[in-house]
Structure formats: structure tokens, C-alpha cells
N, C-alpha and C. Protein backbone atom coordinates (compact mmCIF):
# COMPACT_ATOMS: atom_id res chain seq x y z
N MET A 1 4.64 -28.20 52.43
CA MET A 1 4.75 -26.61 52.50
C MET A 1 4.47 -25.94 53.90
N ALA A 2 5.69 -24.27 54.25
CA ALA A 2 5.97 -23.94 55.38
C ALA A 2 4.61 -23.98 57.00
N GLN A 3 3.27 -23.69 55.96
CA GLN A 3 2.75 -23.62 57.54
C GLN A 3 2.01 -24.89 57.32
N GLN A 4 2.57 -25.01 58.94
CA GLN A 4 1.38 -26.48 59.44
C GLN A 4 -0.20 -26.63 59.30
N ASP A 5 0.18 -27.57 58.86
CA ASP A 5 -1.38 -28.77 58.45
C ASP A 5 -2.35 -28.48 58.89
N PRO A 6 -3.64 -27.78 59.40
CA PRO A 6 -4.61 -27.29 60.06
C PRO A 6 -6.20 -27.80 60.39
N PHE A 7 -5.57 -28.80 59.01
CA PHE A 7 -7.04 -30.15 58.51
C PHE A 7 -6.28 -31.85 59.47
N THR A 8 -7.49 -31.96 60.37
CA THR A 8 -7.95 -32.64 60.80
C THR A 8 -8.85 -34.75 61.39
N GLU A 9 -8.52 -35.65 61.60
CA GLU A 9 -9.56 -36.31 60.36
C GLU A 9 -10.70 -35.70 61.28
N GLU A 10 -10.87 -35.66 62.40
CA GLU A 10 -12.44 -34.20 62.86
C GLU A 10 -13.19 -33.57 62.06
N HIS A 11 -12.06 -32.96 61.89
CA HIS A 11 -12.34 -31.88 60.62
C HIS A 11 -13.93 -32.17 59.06
N PHE A 12 -12.89 -33.87 58.81
CA PHE A 12 -13.55 -34.56 57.64
C PHE A 12 -15.24 -35.00 58.35
N GLU A 13 -15.21 -35.30 60.17
CA GLU A 13 -15.64 -36.83 60.02
C GLU A 13 -17.33 -35.45 60.59
N ARG A 14 -16.74 -33.92 60.65
CA ARG A 14 -17.71 -32.82 60.91
C ARG A 14 -17.94 -32.13 59.80
N LEU A 15 -18.09 -32.47 58.59
CA LEU A 15 -18.25 -31.77 57.90
C LEU A 15 -18.55 -33.11 56.96
N PHE A 16 -18.72 -34.59 57.46
CA PHE A 16 -19.99 -35.07 55.94
C PHE A 16 -21.18 -35.44 57.78
N ALA A 17 -20.70 -34.65 59.06
CA ALA A 17 -22.48 -35.08 59.63
C ALA A 17 -23.09 -34.25 59.15
N ALA A 18 -22.48 -32.37 59.52
CA ALA A 18 -23.31 -31.23 58.82
C ALA A 18 -24.45 -31.80 57.45
N ALA A 19 -22.94 -32.80 56.17
CA ALA A 19 -23.59 -32.91 55.11
C ALA A 19 -24.98 -33.69 54.91
N GLU A 20 -25.35 -34.71 56.21
CA GLU A 20 -25.86 -35.53 56.09
C GLU A 20 -27.46 -34.76 57.31
N ALA A 21 -26.81 -34.05 58.08
CA ALA A 21 -27.80 -34.04 59.23
C ALA A 21 -29.69 -33.14 58.87
N GLY A 22 -30.75 -32.08 59.36
CA GLY A 22 -31.25 -32.28 59.03
C GLY A 22 -31.71 -31.13 59.99
N GLU A 23 -33.70 -31.01 59.96
CA GLU A 23 -34.03 -30.10 61.21
C GLU A 23 -33.51 -30.35 62.01
N GLU A 24 -33.02 -32.18 62.72
CA GLU A 24 -33.64 -32.70 63.77
C GLU A 24 -31.94 -31.55 64.98
N VAL A 25 -31.47 -31.18 64.22
CA VAL A 25 -29.78 -30.43 64.47
C VAL A 25 -29.92 -29.44 64.83
N GLY A 26 -31.56 -28.71 63.50
CA GLY A 26 -31.24 -26.70 63.56
C GLY A 26 -30.86 -26.68 61.86
N TRP A 27 -30.67 -27.98 61.46
CA TRP A 27 -31.20 -27.30 59.90
C TRP A 27 -32.78 -26.92 59.78
N SER A 28 -33.01 -25.83 58.64
CA SER A 28 -33.46 -25.35 57.26
C SER A 28 -33.94 -25.17 56.32
N LEU A 29 -35.10 -25.70 56.16
CA LEU A 29 -34.66 -25.79 54.36
C LEU A 29 -34.95 -24.53 53.81
N ALA A 30 -34.10 -23.68 53.28
CA ALA A 30 -34.35 -21.69 53.08
C ALA A 30 -34.96 -21.77 51.19
N LYS A 31 -34.48 -22.66 50.90
CA LYS A 31 -34.08 -22.49 49.31
C LYS A 31 -34.53 -24.12 47.89
N LYS A 32 -35.50 -23.87 47.62
CA LYS A 32 -35.02 -25.18 46.88
C LYS A 32 -36.19 -25.32 44.97
N THR A 33 -34.86 -25.84 44.52
CA THR A 33 -34.69 -26.20 42.81
C THR A 33 -35.35 -27.61 42.31
N SER A 34 -34.93 -27.98 41.18
CA SER A 34 -35.32 -28.94 41.02
C SER A 34 -33.93 -29.38 40.97
N ALA A 35 -32.91 -29.09 41.34
CA ALA A 35 -31.69 -29.36 41.51
C ALA A 35 -30.68 -29.03 42.67
N VAL A 36 -31.02 -27.69 42.79
CA VAL A 36 -30.35 -27.28 43.97
C VAL A 36 -31.48 -27.12 45.30
N GLU A 37 -30.93 -27.14 46.68
CA GLU A 37 -32.03 -26.60 47.91
C GLU A 37 -30.70 -26.26 48.65
N VAL A 38 -30.95 -24.45 49.66
CA VAL A 38 -30.45 -24.38 50.42
C VAL A 38 -30.48 -24.93 51.45
N TRP A 39 -29.60 -25.00 52.91
CA TRP A 39 -30.36 -24.60 54.11
C TRP A 39 -29.69 -23.74 54.69
N LYS A 40 -30.02 -23.86 55.74
CA LYS A 40 -29.15 -22.80 56.94
C LYS A 40 -29.13 -22.74 57.97
N ARG A 41 -28.72 -22.67 58.59
CA ARG A 41 -28.98 -23.30 59.84
C ARG A 41 -28.48 -21.85 60.99
N LYS A 42 -28.79 -21.54 62.40
CA LYS A 42 -28.21 -20.17 62.71
C LYS A 42 -27.63 -20.70 64.50
N GLU A 43 -26.46 -20.48 64.94
CA GLU A 43 -26.51 -20.46 65.55
C GLU A 43 -26.42 -19.59 67.38
N GLU A 44 -26.78 -19.40 68.60
CA GLU A 44 -26.57 -18.61 69.28
C GLU A 44 -25.11 -18.11 69.30
N SER A 45 -24.09 -18.37 69.74
CA SER A 45 -22.56 -17.98 68.74
C SER A 45 -22.37 -17.22 67.51
N GLU A 46 -23.46 -17.69 67.04
CA GLU A 46 -22.53 -16.53 65.48
C GLU A 46 -23.41 -15.76 65.11
N ALA A 47 -23.03 -15.09 64.70
CA ALA A 47 -23.81 -14.29 64.02
C ALA A 47 -24.05 -14.34 62.25
N ILE A 48 -23.51 -14.88 61.92
CA ILE A 48 -23.73 -15.08 60.63
C ILE A 48 -23.92 -16.88 59.98
N GLN A 49 -24.75 -16.24 59.45
CA GLN A 49 -25.08 -18.44 59.51
C GLN A 49 -24.51 -18.49 58.72
N GLN A 50 -24.77 -20.47 59.06
CA GLN A 50 -24.31 -21.82 57.96
C GLN A 50 -24.79 -22.17 57.15
N ILE A 51 -23.90 -21.90 56.08
CA ILE A 51 -25.36 -22.98 54.28
C ILE A 51 -24.37 -24.35 54.59
N LYS A 52 -25.82 -25.17 54.15
CA LYS A 52 -25.52 -26.13 53.55
C LYS A 52 -26.06 -25.74 51.89
N GLY A 53 -24.69 -26.16 51.43
CA GLY A 53 -25.72 -26.49 49.15
C GLY A 53 -26.05 -27.68 49.46
N LYS A 54 -26.65 -28.15 48.30
CA LYS A 54 -26.44 -29.65 47.56
C LYS A 54 -27.15 -29.48 46.01
N MET A 55 -26.67 -29.94 45.53
CA MET A 55 -26.67 -29.83 44.54
C MET A 55 -26.32 -31.22 42.81
N PHE A 56 -27.10 -31.16 42.54
CA PHE A 56 -27.64 -32.37 41.03
C PHE A 56 -26.61 -31.28 39.83
N PHE A 57 -25.75 -31.69 39.68
CA PHE A 57 -25.18 -31.33 38.16
C PHE A 57 -25.02 -32.34 36.93
N GLN A 58 -27.08 -32.79 36.38
CA GLN A 58 -26.28 -34.18 36.28
C GLN A 58 -25.63 -33.94 34.80
N GLY A 59 -25.63 -34.48 33.80
CA GLY A 59 -24.54 -35.50 32.62
C GLY A 59 -23.53 -34.27 32.90
N ILE A 60 -22.53 -33.96 34.17
CA ILE A 60 -21.53 -34.07 33.87
C ILE A 60 -20.81 -33.83 35.14
N PRO A 61 -19.19 -34.85 34.82
CA PRO A 61 -18.20 -35.67 35.42
C PRO A 61 -18.23 -34.67 36.70
N MET A 62 -18.32 -35.67 37.82
CA MET A 62 -17.28 -36.01 38.35
C MET A 62 -16.25 -34.29 38.75
N GLN A 63 -14.79 -34.51 38.46
CA GLN A 63 -14.17 -34.47 38.15
C GLN A 63 -13.65 -32.97 37.57
N ALA A 64 -14.77 -32.76 36.74
CA ALA A 64 -14.98 -31.91 35.85
C ALA A 64 -16.58 -30.73 36.86
N VAL A 65 -16.30 -31.39 37.64
CA VAL A 65 -17.20 -30.07 38.23
C VAL A 65 -16.13 -29.71 39.47
N PHE A 66 -15.94 -30.59 40.51
CA PHE A 66 -15.17 -29.64 41.01
C PHE A 66 -13.71 -29.29 40.17
N ASP A 67 -13.16 -29.67 39.50
CA ASP A 67 -12.21 -28.48 38.35
C ASP A 67 -12.24 -27.13 37.90
N MET A 68 -13.83 -26.24 37.58
CA MET A 68 -14.91 -25.47 38.09
C MET A 68 -14.84 -24.63 38.66
N PHE A 69 -15.33 -25.49 39.86
CA PHE A 69 -15.33 -25.33 41.46
C PHE A 69 -13.99 -24.69 42.27
N PHE A 70 -12.25 -25.01 41.90
CA PHE A 70 -11.88 -24.90 42.90
C PHE A 70 -10.53 -24.95 41.46
N ASN A 71 -9.89 -25.39 40.21
CA ASN A 71 -9.05 -25.50 39.76
C ASN A 71 -9.24 -23.54 39.12
N ALA A 72 -8.41 -23.03 39.49
CA ALA A 72 -8.16 -21.07 38.79
C ALA A 72 -8.01 -20.41 37.72
N GLU A 73 -7.29 -21.06 37.23
CA GLU A 73 -7.82 -20.81 35.37
C GLU A 73 -9.07 -21.59 34.95
N ILE A 74 -9.96 -22.35 35.37
CA ILE A 74 -10.88 -22.79 34.76
C ILE A 74 -11.41 -22.30 35.09
N ARG A 75 -11.81 -21.58 36.75
CA ARG A 75 -13.16 -20.64 37.37
C ARG A 75 -12.66 -19.51 37.07
N MET A 76 -11.47 -18.90 36.72
CA MET A 76 -11.62 -17.30 35.74
C MET A 76 -12.65 -17.58 35.04
N LYS A 77 -12.54 -18.90 34.19
CA LYS A 77 -13.31 -18.19 32.78
C LYS A 77 -15.02 -18.15 33.01
N TRP A 78 -15.48 -18.07 34.11
CA TRP A 78 -17.46 -18.50 34.24
C TRP A 78 -16.68 -17.32 35.39
N ASP A 79 -17.13 -17.28 36.46
CA ASP A 79 -17.10 -16.15 37.63
C ASP A 79 -16.35 -15.02 37.82
N GLU A 80 -18.26 -14.84 37.05
CA GLU A 80 -18.05 -12.66 37.12
C GLU A 80 -17.35 -11.60 38.62
N ARG A 81 -18.55 -12.49 39.75
CA ARG A 81 -17.57 -12.03 40.37
C ARG A 81 -16.39 -11.85 41.27
N LEU A 82 -15.24 -12.88 40.40
CA LEU A 82 -14.01 -13.00 40.91
C LEU A 82 -12.99 -12.36 39.97
N LYS A 83 -12.56 -11.64 40.54
CA LYS A 83 -11.44 -9.90 40.23
C LYS A 83 -10.08 -11.14 39.55
N ALA A 84 -9.22 -11.85 41.09
CA ALA A 84 -8.23 -12.77 40.99
C ALA A 84 -9.02 -13.69 41.42
N MET A 85 -7.82 -14.53 40.95
CA MET A 85 -7.16 -16.13 41.67
C MET A 85 -5.64 -17.10 42.17
N GLU A 86 -5.41 -17.06 43.17
CA GLU A 86 -3.59 -17.31 42.98
C GLU A 86 -3.77 -18.26 43.85
N VAL A 87 -3.40 -19.49 42.96
CA VAL A 87 -2.17 -20.78 44.45
C VAL A 87 -0.57 -20.29 45.12
N LEU A 88 -0.67 -19.55 46.09
CA LEU A 88 0.26 -18.89 46.31
C LEU A 88 0.91 -19.83 46.83
N GLU A 89 0.68 -21.07 47.14
CA GLU A 89 1.52 -21.98 47.60
C GLU A 89 0.68 -23.80 47.52
N SER A 90 1.03 -24.90 47.32
CA SER A 90 1.08 -26.57 46.99
C SER A 90 1.51 -26.98 46.83
N ASP A 91 1.06 -28.62 48.23
CA ASP A 91 1.98 -29.55 47.94
C ASP A 91 1.13 -30.64 48.10
N GLY A 92 1.12 -31.59 47.89
CA GLY A 92 0.01 -32.95 47.20
C GLY A 92 -1.15 -32.31 48.16
N ASP A 93 -1.99 -32.71 48.30
CA ASP A 93 -3.64 -32.95 48.93
C ASP A 93 -3.61 -31.14 49.56
N ARG A 94 -2.35 -30.14 49.54
CA ARG A 94 -2.99 -29.58 50.39
C ARG A 94 -2.68 -27.97 48.96
N SER A 95 -3.13 -26.85 49.39
CA SER A 95 -2.95 -25.28 48.61
C SER A 95 -3.42 -24.56 49.70
N VAL A 96 -2.18 -23.15 49.16
CA VAL A 96 -2.43 -22.34 49.73
C VAL A 96 -3.55 -21.50 48.76
N VAL A 97 -4.92 -20.87 48.33
CA VAL A 97 -4.94 -19.62 47.69
C VAL A 97 -6.35 -18.27 47.92
N HIS A 98 -5.44 -17.44 47.63
CA HIS A 98 -5.92 -15.72 47.56
C HIS A 98 -6.97 -15.43 46.33
N SER A 99 -7.95 -15.42 46.64
CA SER A 99 -9.17 -14.52 45.33
C SER A 99 -9.50 -13.31 45.78
N ILE A 100 -9.38 -12.05 45.35
CA ILE A 100 -10.53 -11.01 45.24
C ILE A 100 -12.39 -10.99 44.52
N ASN A 101 -13.18 -10.67 44.56
CA ASN A 101 -14.25 -10.92 45.13
C ASN A 101 -14.53 -9.94 44.74
N LYS A 102 -15.44 -9.03 43.41
CA LYS A 102 -15.48 -7.67 42.61
C LYS A 102 -16.88 -7.52 43.34
N PHE A 103 -17.21 -6.59 44.32
CA PHE A 103 -18.84 -5.80 44.88
C PHE A 103 -19.07 -4.97 43.89
N PRO A 104 -20.32 -5.04 44.07
CA PRO A 104 -20.83 -3.68 43.18
C PRO A 104 -20.31 -1.89 44.04
N GLY A 105 -20.38 -0.76 43.73
CA GLY A 105 -19.74 0.14 44.79
C GLY A 105 -21.06 0.71 45.21
N PRO A 106 -21.51 1.47 45.86
CA PRO A 106 -20.52 2.07 47.04
C PRO A 106 -19.50 0.84 47.86
N LEU A 107 -20.16 -0.54 47.55
CA LEU A 107 -18.55 -1.92 48.37
C LEU A 107 -17.85 -1.88 48.13
N SER A 108 -16.91 -2.35 49.11
CA SER A 108 -15.45 -2.08 48.55
C SER A 108 -14.90 -3.63 48.57
N ASN A 109 -13.75 -4.28 46.98
CA ASN A 109 -13.94 -5.64 46.64
C ASN A 109 -13.80 -6.70 48.32
N ARG A 110 -13.82 -7.57 48.31
CA ARG A 110 -13.28 -8.16 49.48
C ARG A 110 -12.61 -9.48 49.31
N ASP A 111 -11.31 -9.87 49.78
CA ASP A 111 -10.20 -10.81 49.26
C ASP A 111 -10.48 -12.18 51.01
N PHE A 112 -9.65 -13.66 49.90
CA PHE A 112 -9.50 -14.03 51.21
C PHE A 112 -9.10 -14.72 51.11
N VAL A 113 -8.09 -14.83 51.92
CA VAL A 113 -6.51 -15.79 51.53
C VAL A 113 -7.56 -18.07 52.15
N VAL A 114 -7.04 -18.79 51.78
CA VAL A 114 -7.66 -20.39 52.85
C VAL A 114 -6.57 -21.18 52.74
N ASP A 115 -6.98 -21.72 53.43
CA ASP A 115 -5.90 -23.23 52.95
C ASP A 115 -7.38 -24.62 52.57
N ARG A 116 -6.80 -26.15 52.06
CA ARG A 116 -7.09 -26.30 51.14
C ARG A 116 -6.81 -27.41 51.56
N LYS A 117 -7.29 -28.25 51.85
CA LYS A 117 -6.87 -30.17 51.37
C LYS A 117 -8.60 -31.02 50.99
N VAL A 118 -6.88 -31.61 49.99
CA VAL A 118 -7.92 -32.77 48.98
C VAL A 118 -8.20 -33.84 49.45
N ARG A 119 -8.72 -34.89 49.35
CA ARG A 119 -8.94 -36.00 49.88
C ARG A 119 -9.56 -37.07 48.45
N LYS A 120 -9.90 -38.04 47.63
CA LYS A 120 -10.52 -38.56 46.81
C LYS A 120 -10.14 -39.74 46.74
N ASP A 121 -11.23 -40.17 46.44
CA ASP A 121 -10.61 -41.68 45.45
C ASP A 121 -12.09 -41.85 44.31
N SER A 122 -11.98 -43.05 44.21
CA SER A 122 -12.97 -43.08 42.59
C SER A 122 -14.21 -42.32 42.56
N LYS A 123 -15.07 -42.79 43.51
CA LYS A 123 -16.43 -42.84 44.09
C LYS A 123 -16.92 -41.13 44.49
N GLN A 124 -16.08 -40.30 45.15
CA GLN A 124 -15.92 -38.99 45.52
C GLN A 124 -14.67 -38.30 45.70
N THR A 125 -15.17 -36.41 46.03
CA THR A 125 -14.00 -35.42 46.36
C THR A 125 -13.71 -34.99 47.16
N VAL A 126 -13.58 -34.66 48.69
CA VAL A 126 -14.35 -34.16 49.30
C VAL A 126 -12.96 -32.12 49.33
N ILE A 127 -13.00 -31.85 50.08
CA ILE A 127 -12.60 -30.32 50.08
C ILE A 127 -12.67 -29.61 51.25
N LEU A 128 -11.42 -29.23 52.14
CA LEU A 128 -11.90 -28.70 53.31
C LEU A 128 -11.46 -27.04 53.21
N VAL A 129 -12.00 -26.12 53.42
CA VAL A 129 -11.70 -25.25 53.34
C VAL A 129 -11.72 -24.04 54.70
N GLN A 130 -10.53 -22.89 54.95
CA GLN A 130 -10.27 -22.60 56.04
C GLN A 130 -9.18 -21.41 55.68
N SER A 131 -10.22 -19.66 56.58
CA SER A 131 -9.20 -19.07 55.72
C SER A 131 -8.36 -19.46 57.53
N THR A 132 -7.14 -18.43 56.69
CA THR A 132 -5.42 -18.45 56.74
C THR A 132 -4.84 -17.49 56.91
N THR A 133 -3.67 -17.27 56.66
CA THR A 133 -2.87 -16.46 56.46
C THR A 133 -1.36 -15.74 55.94
N HIS A 134 -1.19 -15.57 54.97
CA HIS A 134 0.10 -16.06 54.38
C HIS A 134 0.91 -15.07 53.34
N PRO A 135 2.26 -15.18 53.91
CA PRO A 135 3.25 -13.78 54.08
C PRO A 135 2.98 -13.45 52.50
N LYS A 136 2.49 -13.61 50.82
CA LYS A 136 2.43 -13.75 49.67
C LYS A 136 0.88 -12.85 49.51
N ALA A 137 0.21 -11.64 50.62
CA ALA A 137 -1.64 -12.08 50.65
C ALA A 137 -1.45 -11.34 51.28
N PRO A 138 0.06 -10.27 51.68
CA PRO A 138 -0.91 -9.43 53.08
C PRO A 138 -2.78 -8.43 53.27
N VAL A 139 -3.04 -8.39 54.39
CA VAL A 139 -3.71 -7.00 54.14
C VAL A 139 -3.98 -6.28 53.37
N SER A 140 -4.90 -5.38 52.47
CA SER A 140 -4.70 -4.95 51.52
C SER A 140 -5.65 -3.35 52.21
N PRO A 141 -4.55 -2.31 52.11
CA PRO A 141 -6.24 -1.52 52.78
C PRO A 141 -7.16 -0.71 52.11
N ASN A 142 -6.50 -2.02 50.84
CA ASN A 142 -8.21 -1.49 49.49
C ASN A 142 -9.14 -1.74 49.11
N LEU A 143 -8.83 -3.48 50.40
CA LEU A 143 -10.48 -4.53 50.18
C LEU A 143 -9.68 -4.74 51.80
N ILE A 144 -11.28 -5.43 51.70
CA ILE A 144 -11.88 -5.77 52.94
C ILE A 144 -11.65 -7.72 53.35
N ARG A 145 -10.45 -7.92 54.39
CA ARG A 145 -10.45 -9.31 54.16
C ARG A 145 -11.15 -9.99 55.09
N GLY A 146 -12.16 -11.18 53.96
CA GLY A 146 -13.36 -12.20 54.34
C GLY A 146 -12.36 -13.19 55.17
N GLU A 147 -13.16 -13.72 55.34
CA GLU A 147 -13.08 -15.13 56.17
C GLU A 147 -14.48 -16.22 55.82
N MET A 148 -13.82 -17.87 55.48
CA MET A 148 -14.23 -18.65 55.02
C MET A 148 -13.63 -19.72 55.51
N ASN A 149 -14.72 -20.59 56.27
CA ASN A 149 -14.02 -21.41 56.33
C ASN A 149 -16.46 -23.19 56.56
N GLY A 150 -15.99 -23.80 55.82
CA GLY A 150 -16.83 -25.13 55.32
C GLY A 150 -15.81 -26.36 54.97
N GLY A 151 -16.57 -27.13 53.48
CA GLY A 151 -16.00 -27.78 52.81
C GLY A 151 -16.97 -28.19 51.87
N PHE A 152 -16.59 -29.16 50.85
CA PHE A 152 -17.24 -29.71 50.70
C PHE A 152 -17.25 -31.13 49.25
N ILE A 153 -18.41 -31.23 49.67
CA ILE A 153 -18.05 -32.74 49.43
C ILE A 153 -18.83 -33.32 47.85
N PHE A 154 -17.73 -33.57 46.50
CA PHE A 154 -18.32 -33.53 45.89
C PHE A 154 -18.40 -36.02 45.01
N ARG A 155 -19.32 -36.05 44.60
CA ARG A 155 -19.61 -37.83 44.41
C ARG A 155 -20.09 -38.38 43.16
N VAL A 156 -20.18 -39.06 42.48
CA VAL A 156 -20.64 -39.88 41.73
C VAL A 156 -21.90 -39.95 41.81
N ASP A 157 -23.09 -39.60 40.51
CA ASP A 157 -24.21 -39.80 41.62
C ASP A 157 -24.40 -41.57 40.97
N ASP A 158 -25.36 -42.44 41.93
CA ASP A 158 -25.11 -43.22 41.75
C ASP A 158 -25.82 -44.47 41.24
N GLU A 159 -26.63 -43.79 39.80
CA GLU A 159 -27.49 -43.94 39.65
C GLU A 159 -26.85 -43.93 37.82
N ASP A 160 -25.70 -42.23 37.98
CA ASP A 160 -25.53 -42.75 35.95
C ASP A 160 -24.22 -41.35 37.07
N PRO A 161 -23.02 -42.11 36.74
CA PRO A 161 -21.76 -42.15 36.64
C PRO A 161 -21.35 -41.17 35.63
N ASN A 162 -21.54 -40.62 35.19
CA ASN A 162 -21.54 -38.70 34.16
C ASN A 162 -22.40 -37.40 35.04
N SER A 163 -23.42 -37.98 36.21
CA SER A 163 -23.52 -37.33 36.62
C SER A 163 -22.83 -37.25 37.72
N THR A 164 -23.24 -35.96 38.70
CA THR A 164 -22.46 -35.01 39.21
C THR A 164 -23.73 -34.93 41.23
N ARG A 165 -23.35 -35.01 42.76
CA ARG A 165 -23.93 -34.60 43.69
C ARG A 165 -23.01 -33.46 45.04
N CYS A 166 -23.30 -32.40 44.78
CA CYS A 166 -22.73 -31.80 45.46
C CYS A 166 -23.03 -32.02 46.67
N THR A 167 -22.43 -31.96 47.58
CA THR A 167 -22.72 -31.01 49.09
C THR A 167 -22.20 -29.94 50.07
N PHE A 168 -22.13 -29.05 49.82
CA PHE A 168 -21.00 -28.50 50.92
C PHE A 168 -22.07 -27.36 52.07
N VAL A 169 -20.74 -27.08 52.89
CA VAL A 169 -21.51 -26.16 54.39
C VAL A 169 -20.52 -25.60 54.26
N ASN A 170 -20.54 -24.06 54.93
CA ASN A 170 -19.50 -23.51 55.07
C ASN A 170 -20.50 -22.43 55.34
N ARG A 171 -19.66 -21.21 56.11
CA ARG A 171 -20.04 -19.62 56.96
C ARG A 171 -19.04 -19.26 56.23
N LEU A 172 -19.27 -17.89 55.67
CA LEU A 172 -18.61 -16.72 55.47
C LEU A 172 -19.32 -15.89 55.35
N ASP A 173 -17.76 -15.42 56.39
CA ASP A 173 -18.51 -13.26 56.43
C ASP A 173 -17.28 -12.72 56.22
N MET A 174 -18.59 -12.09 55.11
CA MET A 174 -17.87 -10.59 54.01
C MET A 174 -17.43 -9.59 54.93
N LYS A 175 -17.00 -9.82 56.17
CA LYS A 175 -16.67 -8.92 57.01
C LYS A 175 -17.39 -7.03 56.83
N GLY A 176 -16.58 -6.22 56.87
CA GLY A 176 -16.41 -4.91 56.61
C GLY A 176 -17.86 -4.58 57.78
N ASN A 177 -19.08 -3.21 56.61
CA ASN A 177 -20.19 -2.77 56.90
C ASN A 177 -21.13 -3.80 57.06
N ILE A 178 -21.70 -4.56 56.19
CA ILE A 178 -22.26 -5.40 55.59
C ILE A 178 -23.08 -5.49 56.47
N PRO A 179 -24.28 -5.20 56.66
CA PRO A 179 -24.86 -6.00 57.74
C PRO A 179 -24.89 -7.11 57.06
N LYS A 180 -25.31 -7.97 58.70
CA LYS A 180 -25.20 -9.40 59.21
C LYS A 180 -27.16 -9.81 57.86
N MET A 181 -27.62 -9.49 58.14
CA MET A 181 -28.49 -10.11 58.49
C MET A 181 -28.28 -9.90 55.98
N ALA A 182 -27.92 -8.99 55.81
CA ALA A 182 -27.39 -8.92 54.58
C ALA A 182 -26.90 -9.98 54.24
N ILE A 183 -25.72 -9.74 54.94
CA ILE A 183 -25.00 -11.50 54.62
C ILE A 183 -25.26 -12.79 54.15
N ASN A 184 -26.11 -12.96 55.30
CA ASN A 184 -27.29 -14.39 55.71
C ASN A 184 -27.45 -14.62 54.13
N LEU A 185 -28.86 -12.86 53.74
CA LEU A 185 -30.03 -13.42 52.79
C LEU A 185 -28.72 -13.32 51.13
N MET A 186 -27.13 -12.00 50.86
CA MET A 186 -26.72 -12.78 50.32
C MET A 186 -26.07 -14.70 50.05
N SER A 187 -26.14 -15.39 51.27
CA SER A 187 -25.13 -16.14 50.98
C SER A 187 -26.28 -17.96 50.66
N GLY A 188 -27.52 -16.67 51.03
CA GLY A 188 -28.94 -18.03 50.84
C GLY A 188 -29.06 -18.29 48.80
N LYS A 189 -28.57 -17.34 48.22
CA LYS A 189 -28.59 -17.09 47.11
C LYS A 189 -27.91 -17.20 46.51
N ALA A 190 -26.72 -17.55 46.60
CA ALA A 190 -25.38 -17.98 46.31
C ALA A 190 -24.61 -18.72 45.30
N ALA A 191 -25.78 -20.53 46.06
CA ALA A 191 -25.83 -21.71 46.03
C ALA A 191 -26.72 -22.17 44.24
N ILE A 192 -27.67 -21.50 44.50
CA ILE A 192 -28.14 -21.26 43.17
C ILE A 192 -27.49 -21.01 42.68
N ASN A 193 -27.51 -19.36 42.51
CA ASN A 193 -26.30 -18.31 41.74
C ASN A 193 -25.03 -19.67 41.20
N LEU A 194 -24.27 -20.10 42.15
CA LEU A 194 -23.57 -21.11 41.85
C LEU A 194 -23.12 -21.66 40.48
N TYR A 195 -24.39 -23.14 41.28
CA TYR A 195 -24.92 -24.13 40.44
C TYR A 195 -25.70 -23.62 38.43
N GLU A 196 -26.33 -22.16 38.50
CA GLU A 196 -26.62 -21.69 37.78
C GLU A 196 -25.39 -21.58 36.40
N SER A 197 -24.08 -20.49 37.33
CA SER A 197 -23.12 -20.39 36.34
C SER A 197 -22.16 -21.60 35.92
N VAL A 198 -22.70 -22.75 36.41
CA VAL A 198 -21.60 -23.45 36.64
C VAL A 198 -22.21 -24.26 35.30
N THR A 199 -23.54 -24.94 35.29
CA THR A 199 -23.90 -25.29 34.23
C THR A 199 -23.86 -24.45 32.80
N LYS A 200 -23.98 -23.38 33.63
CA LYS A 200 -24.24 -22.49 32.31
C LYS A 200 -22.74 -22.71 31.17
N PHE A 201 -21.66 -22.24 32.03
CA PHE A 201 -19.85 -22.47 31.48
C PHE A 201 -20.18 -23.70 30.93
N TYR A 202 -20.53 -25.07 31.87
CA TYR A 202 -20.11 -26.15 30.57
C TYR A 202 -21.10 -26.46 29.59
N ALA A 203 -21.84 -25.88 29.83
CA ALA A 203 -22.97 -26.86 28.49
C ALA A 203 -21.97 -25.86 27.28
N LYS A 204 -21.30 -24.60 27.28
CA LYS A 204 -20.82 -23.48 26.63
C LYS A 204 -19.94 -25.07 26.20
N GLU A 205 -19.24 -24.19 27.03
CA GLU A 205 -18.54 -25.44 26.60
C GLU A 205 -17.34 -26.75 25.77
N HIS A 206 -18.91 -27.84 27.06
CA HIS A 206 -19.24 -29.18 26.36
C HIS A 206 -19.41 -28.51 24.79
N SER A 207 -19.72 -27.11 24.28
CA SER A 207 -20.55 -27.34 23.46
C SER A 207 -19.58 -27.40 21.58
N LYS A 208 -18.37 -26.98 21.95
CA LYS A 208 -17.74 -26.55 21.23
C LYS A 208 -16.29 -27.88 20.54
N GLN A 209 -16.83 -28.28 22.23
CA GLN A 209 -15.96 -30.06 21.64
C GLN A 209 -17.04 -30.60 21.03
N ALA A 210 -18.38 -30.40 20.20
CA ALA A 210 -19.52 -31.70 20.12
C ALA A 210 -19.09 -31.20 18.69
């Protein structure tokens, strides 16, 4: 790839540490359902809260969950907020992706350009995500360019090899004139909405194959 790899071993280590951390370092449990936990952490230097989601996808294999999250063709089938998603560049374990998210009027749609790096083995898949720029996706006057930085850890469940546990840590800034309080509120709800959309889509697709 033309762009230098921005990810180091330290990025992976920070993701793993944040995924395991709790109240002792400022994380607080904001929402909890039978399958989803949403944690938040506010750092003094940042107006946007860091969000951590923990999700249990019962009966859905790890590769299927990963593909529903990060395969552009599959994601476009279930994510109603997504207007477009395109892989701009890809080479081995790295890719640069441009996505456009729909927002209800009078808000402008947001777009994101992110560099992604994947590391996987038979028991887990880890992906780091970091906002970047790319000549194939210049800033558009009709969109507001947001920023996203974080990562996802997908693990095969210890008790059921056909179930998946996913933990993500993310800071999402939608930019523009949306109040930071509103962004923090929407980010907190996003994990539950994401879980519900993914499980509903998988059940629908799986029933077609039965």
C-alpha cells in the first residue's frame, strides 16, 4: 500500500488493555442487556467519550460475525444507516475504506475514511481502525468528515465454538454542529442497535439456507 502502516504493536496492546479494564481506570457501565454491555470513559483532555461494547453472539460463528461487521458487500445488506462503503485500497492485512453514513434531516450525512489492520488466528480476530486520508476520497462539500479511532476483538466463545464474543473500544467524533453530549448519547445506544441489527440479519439469512 502507498500509505505507511500507522499501526504498531503498542496499538494492539492498548486495545487489549482497554478491553479488559474496568472501573479502576475510569470506565463506568452505562447500559446492560442479556447480551450487550456498554461502558463509557471520559478523559479530561477529550470532549468525546470513549465507548466500549461487549457483545455475545450466541450461535453465530466468529468469521460470520466479523464478515457482517467489516465485509462491505455484506454490511450494505443490513446496515440501514450506511449509504455507501467502498474499499479504496487493500494489501494483505491492511485496507483503507471509505463509508458514508445517512443522518436524518436537517443534519448532513457523515463520511469516514479509515485505515484498518487485521490480525487473526483460529481463536480470535483483531482489527484496528484509525481515521486517515486518501486521494480517492477527498473531502466533499456535501458531507461532513467524521473521525473514528479504536478496534474490535472477536473471540470464539470458550464453551461454544459456534458462538462469538466481541469487544470493541472506540472514540467516534461526528464533527459538525452536533452537541458533544448528543454524540456521547448516540454512541452509547449504537452498540445495542448494532447487536440487534446483526443478529436479526443473521437469523434471516440463516433461515434461507435451512
